[in-house]
Protein backbone atom coordinates (compact mmCIF):
# COMPACT_ATOMS: atom_id res chain seq x y z
CA MET A 1 -8.02 -3.41 -0.63
CA THR A 2 -11.29 -2.51 -2.38
CA ASP A 3 -9.90 1.75 -3.40
CA PHE A 4 -14.06 3.74 -3.04
CA LEU A 5 -13.65 6.69 -4.06
CA PRO A 6 -15.59 9.80 -4.57
CA PHE A 7 -15.17 11.44 -8.42
CA ARG A 8 -16.75 14.57 -10.43
CA GLY A 9 -20.47 13.08 -12.22
CA LEU A 10 -20.37 14.54 -15.77
CA ARG A 11 -24.50 15.03 -16.00
CA TYR A 12 -27.15 16.81 -17.89
CA GLN A 13 -28.48 20.38 -16.83
CA PRO A 14 -32.35 20.61 -17.38
CA ASP A 15 -32.19 23.92 -17.80
CA VAL A 16 -30.00 23.60 -21.59
CA ILE A 17 -32.60 20.06 -22.10
CA GLY A 18 -36.10 19.96 -19.92
CA ASP A 19 -36.04 17.07 -18.87
CA VAL A 20 -33.43 14.64 -17.51
CA GLY A 21 -35.60 11.36 -16.68
CA ALA A 22 -36.47 11.77 -21.05
CA ALA A 23 -32.53 11.38 -21.87
CA LEU A 24 -32.30 8.47 -19.62
CA ALA A 25 -31.68 4.99 -20.76
CA PRO A 26 -31.37 1.23 -19.98
CA PRO A 27 -27.79 0.04 -19.71
CA PHE A 28 -26.62 -1.61 -23.43
CA ASP A 29 -27.86 -4.88 -23.10
CA VAL A 30 -31.76 -4.51 -22.84
CA ILE A 31 -32.50 -3.14 -24.97
CA ASP A 32 -33.68 -4.37 -28.48
CA ALA A 33 -34.24 -2.30 -32.05
CA GLU A 34 -37.58 -1.66 -30.92
CA GLY A 35 -36.14 -0.18 -27.82
CA GLN A 36 -33.29 1.30 -29.08
CA ALA A 37 -35.70 3.57 -32.11
CA ALA A 38 -38.20 4.71 -29.05
CA LEU A 39 -35.40 6.01 -26.60
CA TYR A 40 -34.02 8.31 -29.73
CA GLU A 41 -37.56 9.34 -30.58
CA ARG A 42 -38.05 9.96 -26.50
CA SER A 43 -35.23 13.11 -26.24
CA PRO A 44 -31.92 14.87 -28.94
CA HIS A 45 -30.41 14.34 -25.85
CA ASN A 46 -31.26 10.31 -24.73
CA ILE A 47 -27.69 8.80 -23.21
CA ILE A 48 -28.87 5.62 -26.09
CA ARG A 49 -26.91 7.83 -28.61
CA LEU A 50 -24.04 7.15 -26.58
CA GLU A 51 -24.18 3.94 -25.07
CA LEU A 52 -25.92 2.10 -27.95
CA GLY A 53 -25.97 4.17 -31.18
CA GLU A 54 -27.34 3.39 -34.88
CA GLN A 55 -25.17 0.99 -37.61
CA ARG A 56 -25.35 2.57 -41.03
CA ASP A 57 -24.64 1.13 -44.48
CA THR A 58 -22.44 3.71 -44.67
CA ASP A 59 -19.87 2.85 -41.77
CA SER A 60 -15.87 2.38 -41.91
CA ASP A 61 -13.17 2.91 -39.84
CA ASP A 62 -13.16 6.38 -39.51
CA ASP A 63 -17.16 6.98 -39.52
CA ASN A 64 -19.21 4.68 -37.22
CA ARG A 65 -21.74 4.59 -34.05
CA TYR A 66 -18.30 5.38 -32.20
CA THR A 67 -17.43 8.11 -33.51
CA HIS A 68 -20.62 9.12 -33.60
CA ALA A 69 -21.39 9.24 -30.25
CA ALA A 70 -18.15 10.62 -29.35
CA ALA A 71 -18.95 13.62 -31.02
CA THR A 72 -21.94 13.38 -29.89
CA LEU A 73 -20.75 13.74 -26.43
CA GLN A 74 -18.62 16.50 -26.77
CA GLU A 75 -21.27 19.00 -28.73
CA TRP A 76 -23.19 18.20 -25.60
CA ARG A 77 -20.60 19.81 -23.22
CA ASP A 78 -19.78 22.48 -25.89
CA SER A 79 -23.50 23.48 -25.52
CA GLY A 80 -23.91 22.32 -21.88
CA ALA A 81 -26.54 20.27 -22.06
CA MET A 82 -23.85 17.88 -19.49
CA ALA A 83 -21.31 19.43 -17.43
CA ILE A 84 -19.25 18.46 -14.30
CA ASP A 85 -19.76 18.91 -11.18
CA ASP A 86 -17.85 21.28 -9.11
CA GLU A 87 -16.51 19.26 -7.04
CA SER A 88 -16.57 15.39 -5.70
CA ALA A 89 -18.66 13.48 -4.33
CA PHE A 90 -20.50 10.10 -3.87
CA TYR A 91 -23.26 9.79 -5.61
CA VAL A 92 -27.11 8.52 -3.92
CA TYR A 93 -29.50 7.54 -5.42
CA THR A 94 -32.62 6.17 -4.80
CA LEU A 95 -34.73 4.13 -7.37
CA GLU A 96 -38.03 3.48 -6.14
CA PHE A 97 -40.48 0.86 -8.42
CA GLU A 98 -42.93 -1.27 -8.91
CA HIS A 99 -42.39 -4.82 -8.29
CA GLU A 100 -46.29 -7.57 -7.93
CA GLY A 101 -48.37 -4.71 -7.08
CA LYS A 102 -46.50 -2.92 -4.98
CA ARG A 103 -43.92 0.08 -4.68
CA THR A 104 -40.34 -0.28 -3.26
CA ARG A 105 -37.37 1.21 -3.49
CA ARG A 106 -34.05 0.45 -3.77
CA THR A 107 -30.82 2.64 -2.85
CA GLN A 108 -27.29 2.47 -4.48
CA LEU A 109 -24.37 4.38 -3.55
CA LEU A 110 -22.06 5.62 -6.99
CA GLY A 111 -18.25 6.10 -6.70
CA ARG A 112 -15.34 5.57 -8.83
CA LEU A 113 -13.48 1.47 -7.50
CA ARG A 114 -9.99 0.92 -8.88
CA VAL A 115 -10.13 -2.29 -11.08
CA GLU A 116 -8.07 -5.32 -10.02
CA PRO A 117 -8.02 -8.41 -11.41
CA TRP A 118 -10.67 -10.58 -10.43
CA ASP A 119 -8.23 -12.58 -7.87
CA ALA A 120 -7.27 -9.47 -6.17
CA GLY A 121 -9.79 -9.71 -4.59
CA VAL A 122 -11.59 -6.63 -4.47
CA MET A 123 -14.58 -7.81 -7.12
CA LEU A 124 -15.44 -11.41 -6.91
CA PRO A 125 -16.54 -12.22 -9.78
CA HIS A 126 -20.29 -14.76 -9.90
CA GLU A 127 -21.00 -15.35 -14.34
CA GLN A 128 -18.40 -16.23 -17.29
CA THR A 129 -18.21 -13.95 -20.02
CA MET A 130 -18.46 -13.40 -23.54
CA SER A 131 -16.63 -11.79 -26.14
CA GLY A 132 -18.53 -9.89 -28.29
CA PRO A 133 -20.38 -7.12 -25.47
CA LYS A 134 -16.11 -6.72 -24.01
CA GLU A 135 -15.32 -5.47 -27.74
CA ASP A 136 -18.46 -3.46 -27.65
CA ARG A 137 -17.74 -1.28 -24.66
CA LEU A 138 -13.73 -1.69 -25.35
CA GLN A 139 -14.96 0.88 -27.73
CA ILE A 140 -16.89 3.27 -26.25
CA LEU A 141 -13.87 3.46 -23.96
CA ARG A 142 -11.56 4.11 -26.53
CA HIS A 143 -14.19 6.78 -28.51
CA LEU A 144 -15.79 8.29 -25.46
CA ARG A 145 -13.05 7.98 -22.80
CA THR A 146 -15.94 7.60 -20.50
CA ASN A 147 -18.07 5.13 -18.66
CA LEU A 148 -21.51 5.75 -19.33
CA SER A 149 -23.05 3.30 -17.21
CA PRO A 150 -22.57 1.90 -13.49
CA ILE A 151 -21.69 -1.47 -12.83
CA PHE A 152 -23.21 -2.53 -10.06
CA ALA A 153 -22.39 -4.47 -6.42
CA LEU A 154 -23.42 -6.00 -3.74
CA TYR A 155 -21.30 -5.70 -0.64
CA LYS A 156 -22.06 -7.05 3.25
CA ASP A 157 -22.88 -4.57 5.90
CA PRO A 158 -23.69 -6.19 9.36
CA ASP A 159 -22.63 -3.18 11.26
CA HIS A 160 -24.13 -0.64 9.06
CA ALA A 161 -20.40 0.96 9.28
CA VAL A 162 -21.24 1.75 4.94
CA ALA A 163 -24.92 2.66 5.08
CA GLY A 164 -25.65 4.52 8.11
CA GLN A 165 -23.05 7.37 6.67
CA LEU A 166 -25.67 7.83 3.26
CA SER A 167 -27.32 10.81 4.68
CA GLN A 168 -28.97 12.32 1.37
CA GLY A 169 -26.76 15.50 1.11
CA GLU A 170 -27.85 17.86 -1.38
CA LEU A 171 -30.69 17.12 -4.06
CA LEU A 172 -29.19 16.72 -7.44
CA THR A 173 -32.28 15.35 -9.62
CA ASP A 174 -35.95 13.73 -9.13
CA VAL A 175 -36.65 12.92 -11.89
CA THR A 176 -39.81 10.30 -13.52
CA ALA A 177 -38.97 7.30 -16.17
CA ASP A 178 -40.77 5.05 -17.26
CA GLY A 179 -43.13 5.12 -14.01
CA GLN A 180 -40.12 4.60 -12.05
CA ARG A 181 -38.92 7.04 -10.40
CA HIS A 182 -34.65 8.34 -9.85
CA THR A 183 -32.95 10.78 -7.37
CA LEU A 184 -29.66 11.93 -7.31
CA HIS A 185 -27.92 13.25 -4.00
CA ALA A 186 -24.55 14.23 -4.08
CA ILE A 187 -22.30 13.59 -0.24
CA GLY A 188 -19.27 15.99 -0.80
CA ASP A 189 -18.81 16.44 2.86
CA PRO A 190 -14.96 15.17 2.48
CA ALA A 191 -14.89 13.80 5.80
CA THR A 192 -17.96 11.81 5.72
CA THR A 193 -16.67 10.35 2.06
CA SER A 194 -13.78 10.13 4.28
CA ALA A 195 -15.76 7.96 6.21
CA ILE A 196 -17.50 5.75 3.52
CA SER A 197 -13.91 4.83 1.45
CA ASP A 198 -12.34 3.96 4.81
CA ALA A 199 -15.86 1.44 5.70
CA LEU A 200 -15.36 0.18 2.29
CA ARG A 201 -11.43 -1.12 2.65
CA ASP A 202 -11.45 -3.99 3.69
CA ARG A 203 -14.50 -5.46 2.14
CA PRO A 204 -14.92 -7.62 -1.24
CA LEU A 205 -17.48 -5.83 -3.73
CA TYR A 206 -20.08 -9.25 -5.06
CA MET A 207 -20.36 -8.02 -8.72
CA LEU A 208 -24.40 -8.56 -9.17
CA ASP A 209 -23.94 -6.57 -12.86
CA GLY A 210 -21.35 -5.28 -15.17
CA HIS A 211 -19.14 -8.17 -15.51
CA HIS A 212 -18.03 -7.64 -19.28
CA ARG A 213 -17.81 -3.43 -18.49
CA TYR A 214 -15.37 -4.56 -15.28
CA GLU A 215 -13.17 -7.44 -17.51
CA THR A 216 -13.02 -3.87 -20.57
CA ALA A 217 -12.09 -1.06 -18.38
CA LEU A 218 -9.64 -3.89 -16.93
CA ASN A 219 -8.36 -4.18 -20.46
CA TYR A 220 -8.66 -0.87 -21.57
CA ARG A 221 -6.73 -0.04 -17.99
CA ASN A 222 -3.54 -2.78 -19.07
CA GLU A 223 -3.92 -0.82 -23.30
CA ARG A 224 -3.29 2.56 -22.25
CA ARG A 225 -1.01 1.61 -19.62
CA ASP A 226 1.19 -0.01 -21.80
CA ALA A 227 1.03 2.32 -23.79
CA ALA A 228 2.54 4.86 -21.84
CA SER A 229 5.68 5.91 -20.97
CA ALA A 230 4.84 6.90 -17.82
CA TRP A 231 2.16 4.97 -15.54
CA THR A 232 1.29 6.39 -11.41
CA GLY A 233 -1.10 4.34 -10.95
CA ASP A 234 -3.27 6.62 -10.19
CA GLU A 235 -4.29 7.95 -14.16
CA PRO A 236 -8.59 7.87 -14.79
CA GLU A 237 -8.58 4.56 -16.67
CA ASN A 238 -7.74 2.51 -13.26
CA PHE A 239 -10.94 3.95 -11.66
CA ALA A 240 -14.50 2.72 -13.57
CA MET A 241 -18.31 3.71 -12.52
CA VAL A 242 -19.92 1.25 -9.96
CA ALA A 243 -23.05 1.58 -8.03
CA ILE A 244 -22.90 -0.68 -4.87
CA SER A 245 -26.54 -1.78 -2.61
CA ALA A 246 -25.48 -3.40 0.71
CA VAL A 247 -26.51 -7.51 0.08
CA ASP A 248 -29.64 -6.83 2.56
CA GLU A 249 -30.92 -4.25 0.90
CA PRO A 250 -34.81 -3.89 1.13
CA GLY A 251 -35.60 -3.61 -2.47
CA LEU A 252 -33.54 -5.79 -4.01
CA VAL A 253 -34.90 -8.27 -6.89
CA LEU A 254 -33.86 -10.56 -9.40
CA LEU A 255 -35.59 -12.19 -11.63
CA ALA A 256 -34.60 -15.34 -13.54
CA THR A 257 -33.78 -15.19 -17.00
CA HIS A 258 -35.04 -17.95 -19.40
CA ARG A 259 -33.32 -19.51 -21.65
CA LEU A 260 -34.17 -20.24 -25.53
CA VAL A 261 -32.16 -22.91 -27.34
CA ARG A 262 -31.23 -23.33 -30.52
CA PRO A 263 -29.42 -26.75 -31.18
CA ALA A 264 -27.80 -28.44 -33.93
CA SER A 265 -30.98 -30.34 -33.89
CA VAL A 266 -34.09 -31.88 -30.76
CA PRO A 267 -32.83 -36.15 -30.66
CA PRO A 268 -36.15 -37.68 -31.37
CA ASP A 269 -35.54 -39.31 -27.58
CA VAL A 270 -34.95 -35.93 -26.30
CA ILE A 271 -37.73 -36.47 -22.76
CA ALA A 272 -36.31 -40.06 -22.81
CA ARG A 273 -32.77 -39.13 -22.01
CA LEU A 274 -33.99 -36.46 -19.87
CA GLU A 275 -36.17 -38.75 -17.06
CA HIS A 276 -32.44 -40.32 -16.31
CA TYR A 277 -31.91 -37.03 -14.33
CA PHE A 278 -35.64 -36.03 -14.27
CA HIS A 279 -39.60 -36.41 -12.93
CA VAL A 280 -40.76 -35.06 -17.12
CA GLU A 281 -44.52 -33.77 -16.78
CA ASP A 282 -46.54 -32.35 -19.52
CA THR A 283 -48.33 -29.55 -18.14
CA THR A 284 -49.89 -28.27 -21.28
CA PRO A 285 -53.68 -27.59 -20.15
CA LYS A 286 -56.68 -29.07 -22.07
CA SER A 287 -57.75 -25.41 -22.89
CA PHE A 288 -54.70 -24.06 -24.18
CA ASP A 289 -53.92 -20.42 -24.25
CA GLY A 290 -52.39 -17.66 -23.71
CA THR A 291 -52.51 -18.32 -19.37
CA ALA A 292 -50.55 -21.36 -19.92
CA VAL A 293 -47.30 -20.78 -20.23
CA LEU A 294 -47.82 -18.14 -17.01
CA ARG A 295 -49.48 -21.48 -15.04
CA LEU A 296 -46.18 -23.48 -15.91
CA ALA A 297 -44.00 -20.11 -14.60
CA ALA A 298 -46.32 -20.81 -11.25
CA ARG A 299 -46.11 -24.06 -11.55
CA LEU A 300 -42.01 -23.51 -11.57
CA SER A 301 -42.14 -21.12 -9.09
CA ALA A 302 -43.74 -23.56 -6.45
CA ALA A 303 -41.81 -26.83 -7.40
CA GLY A 304 -38.92 -24.58 -6.89
CA GLN A 305 -39.69 -24.39 -2.77
CA SER A 306 -38.27 -27.73 -3.06
CA GLY A 307 -35.64 -28.58 -5.54
CA VAL A 308 -34.54 -27.65 -8.75
CA ALA A 309 -36.97 -26.71 -11.22
CA ILE A 310 -37.12 -26.10 -14.42
CA GLY A 311 -39.70 -25.49 -17.21
CA ALA A 312 -39.26 -27.19 -21.04
CA LEU A 313 -41.46 -25.34 -23.75
CA GLY A 314 -41.19 -27.24 -27.16
CA LEU A 315 -40.08 -30.56 -26.75
CA GLU A 316 -42.82 -31.13 -28.21
CA GLU A 317 -44.57 -29.81 -30.27
CA GLY A 318 -46.83 -27.58 -28.87
CA ARG A 319 -46.67 -29.12 -25.21
CA LEU A 320 -45.54 -28.03 -22.12
CA HIS A 321 -43.42 -29.90 -19.28
CA LEU A 322 -42.19 -29.59 -16.18
CA LEU A 323 -38.57 -31.04 -15.10
CA THR A 324 -37.67 -31.48 -10.86
CA LEU A 325 -34.80 -33.03 -11.01
CA LYS A 326 -34.97 -36.52 -8.89
CA ASP A 327 -31.69 -38.11 -9.34
CA GLY A 328 -28.97 -35.61 -8.44
CA ASP A 329 -25.70 -37.70 -7.98
CA ALA A 330 -26.62 -38.82 -11.14
CA VAL A 331 -26.72 -34.79 -11.90
CA ARG A 332 -23.18 -34.22 -10.12
CA SER A 333 -21.65 -37.07 -12.03
CA LEU A 334 -21.77 -35.05 -15.60
CA MET A 335 -20.18 -31.92 -14.06
CA PRO A 336 -16.45 -31.14 -13.06
CA GLU A 337 -15.25 -30.72 -9.52
CA GLY A 338 -17.05 -28.47 -7.50
CA THR A 339 -19.09 -26.95 -3.91
CA ASP A 340 -23.19 -28.48 -3.10
CA VAL A 341 -23.71 -25.03 -4.06
CA TRP A 342 -22.58 -24.80 -7.41
CA GLN A 343 -23.42 -28.40 -8.58
CA GLY A 344 -26.78 -27.41 -6.76
CA MET A 345 -27.30 -24.32 -8.90
CA ASP A 346 -30.19 -24.71 -11.09
CA VAL A 347 -28.54 -22.92 -14.15
CA ASN A 348 -25.52 -25.78 -13.98
CA VAL A 349 -28.05 -28.54 -13.88
CA LEU A 350 -29.90 -26.62 -17.48
CA GLU A 351 -26.21 -26.32 -18.45
CA TYR A 352 -24.54 -29.88 -18.15
CA ALA A 353 -27.72 -32.31 -18.17
CA VAL A 354 -30.62 -30.41 -20.16
CA LEU A 355 -28.20 -28.48 -22.85
CA ARG A 356 -24.77 -31.02 -22.46
CA GLU A 357 -26.29 -34.05 -21.57
CA ALA A 358 -29.98 -35.21 -22.84
CA LEU A 359 -29.52 -32.21 -26.20
CA GLY A 360 -25.94 -32.75 -27.24
CA MET A 361 -24.53 -29.16 -27.70
CA GLU A 362 -21.17 -28.09 -27.23
CA ALA A 363 -19.54 -25.96 -24.19
CA GLY A 364 -19.46 -22.57 -24.84
CA SER A 365 -22.73 -22.79 -27.70
CA ALA A 366 -23.50 -18.52 -26.92
CA GLU A 367 -24.45 -18.12 -30.48
CA ALA A 368 -27.17 -21.13 -30.26
CA ILE A 369 -28.24 -19.65 -26.77
CA GLY A 370 -30.87 -16.38 -26.56
CA TYR A 371 -32.10 -14.47 -23.11
CA THR A 372 -35.27 -13.36 -22.06
CA GLU A 373 -36.70 -12.69 -18.33
CA ASP A 374 -40.89 -13.13 -19.66
CA PRO A 375 -42.05 -16.35 -20.18
CA ALA A 376 -44.44 -14.84 -22.12
CA HIS A 377 -42.07 -13.60 -25.19
CA ALA A 378 -40.18 -17.23 -24.67
CA MET A 379 -43.33 -18.85 -25.38
CA ARG A 380 -44.00 -16.61 -28.25
CA GLU A 381 -40.58 -17.21 -29.85
CA VAL A 382 -41.18 -21.38 -30.02
CA GLU A 383 -44.20 -20.92 -31.53
CA SER A 384 -42.93 -18.51 -34.21
CA GLY A 385 -39.98 -21.12 -34.89
CA ARG A 386 -37.78 -18.37 -34.47
CA TRP A 387 -36.32 -20.64 -31.70
CA PRO A 388 -37.40 -24.24 -31.30
CA LEU A 389 -36.89 -24.28 -27.78
CA ALA A 390 -36.67 -22.83 -24.75
CA PHE A 391 -36.75 -23.30 -20.36
CA LEU A 392 -37.67 -20.97 -17.84
CA LEU A 393 -35.62 -21.32 -14.48
CA ASN A 394 -36.49 -19.92 -11.23
CA PRO A 395 -34.27 -16.42 -9.91
CA THR A 396 -30.69 -17.43 -8.45
CA PRO A 397 -30.92 -16.58 -4.59
CA VAL A 398 -28.35 -13.70 -4.00
CA GLU A 399 -26.44 -15.95 -1.63
CA GLU A 400 -26.29 -19.53 -3.79
CA MET A 401 -24.42 -15.90 -5.66
CA LEU A 402 -22.56 -14.82 -2.87
CA ALA A 403 -21.39 -18.44 -1.94
CA VAL A 404 -20.42 -19.42 -6.02
CA ALA A 405 -18.91 -15.68 -5.79
CA ASP A 406 -16.51 -16.23 -2.87
CA SER A 407 -16.20 -20.36 -3.70
CA GLY A 408 -14.71 -19.07 -6.63
CA GLU A 409 -16.52 -20.55 -8.76
CA LYS A 410 -18.86 -19.70 -12.18
CA THR A 411 -22.08 -20.21 -13.40
CA PRO A 412 -23.05 -20.14 -16.77
CA PRO A 413 -23.53 -16.23 -18.46
CA LYS A 414 -27.12 -14.34 -17.58
CA ALA A 415 -27.37 -16.72 -14.17
CA THR A 416 -29.02 -13.61 -12.09
CA TYR A 417 -30.75 -11.19 -13.45
CA PHE A 418 -31.77 -7.87 -11.07
CA TYR A 419 -34.46 -5.52 -11.33
CA PRO A 420 -35.43 -3.20 -12.35
CA LYS A 421 -31.70 -2.25 -14.48
CA LEU A 422 -30.20 1.12 -13.23
CA ALA A 423 -30.48 3.87 -15.35
CA THR A 424 -28.03 4.93 -17.92
CA GLY A 425 -27.43 8.61 -17.91
CA LEU A 426 -28.30 10.21 -14.20
CA VAL A 427 -24.12 10.66 -13.73
CA ILE A 428 -21.56 8.97 -15.80
CA ASN A 429 -17.52 9.37 -15.54
CA ALA A 430 -15.33 11.31 -17.55
CA PHE A 431 -11.63 10.58 -17.72
CA ASP A 432 -11.01 13.76 -18.05
CA ALA A 433 -13.05 15.53 -15.22
């Protein structure tokens, strides 16, 4: 049973901090060191100070970025820079952005979801997770007792029983940050919030972004429950802040996450190995310039319309290649048993036929794989020698993601990348609200 409820949000107060847009940030997992520094400079109240605080050489168990974040949050609340809303509400978050030259918008509904183990069927995952991000997020929960950035999930709404309830309500925030417009409305009418909760009760949610945060919320709930002398099941730790959109939401944009790869060594016969499974085409242009990788990405997109295709950078020094699957049965023989959808996913073909079989990499080689959404960035990383190889992928279709989640299977990490990410800082969920 999906228990999705309104909550009293903790929000920035513009009469105290000024421009709320300057206080917003992306979620922690897409912020690099340069972006972190820029956000610190943008506003003394930027949420980066809580979401991804600075590490210092003097950090210790008792004085570190988590203790600093907790102290900063308390200072903001004491000063009135942040305050808890008087009444519980669902929050309608509309994000307007530009994609492929067109202005579009995506609507999300924010509430608090009762967290349950994956096998309860309330939230259906589709990706494997890594240990590092979960430990970091667990420290945030322990020190701040607050959900900072929302988990993002999808729901099926063919009868519009949920979407039909999303009247905008009271306007709370309307700001622009990095060319994107963020508006937040509150739906506080008890009859409407009850109708939304009731409509979602028998509908599973499909994890889109936030597998690590969800598992961390569950681990934190268990940790608090195990340490308590009594537990009712309604304590605030039983819930996590989640944003949901319908699977047919017009502004739902999924992009590819490309792989930067560092095997122990690149076999000298790597192309011959790949040719067992793929047609391997050298696509390096005669006139090699900064657009070469973008032209490869365009070829990759076109080839992906009719089957599995992968772009490869660095198989030979200074060369670009396009891999198109020629022997699906041979690739499936390398995989564990699974559904046709799972075995046919680009990320799984890359994992088993390229990374494991052709390059000899071990399963779970997380430290040997990096991620980027930008083909040009992948090219720069290979040209600089920071990463010896990169592989470009096409986006995972939403339908594939839903099918894998329904079957209980999981892809390697970072199989999906929705654009743009939800802003952190519009509203947060404090456990003492």
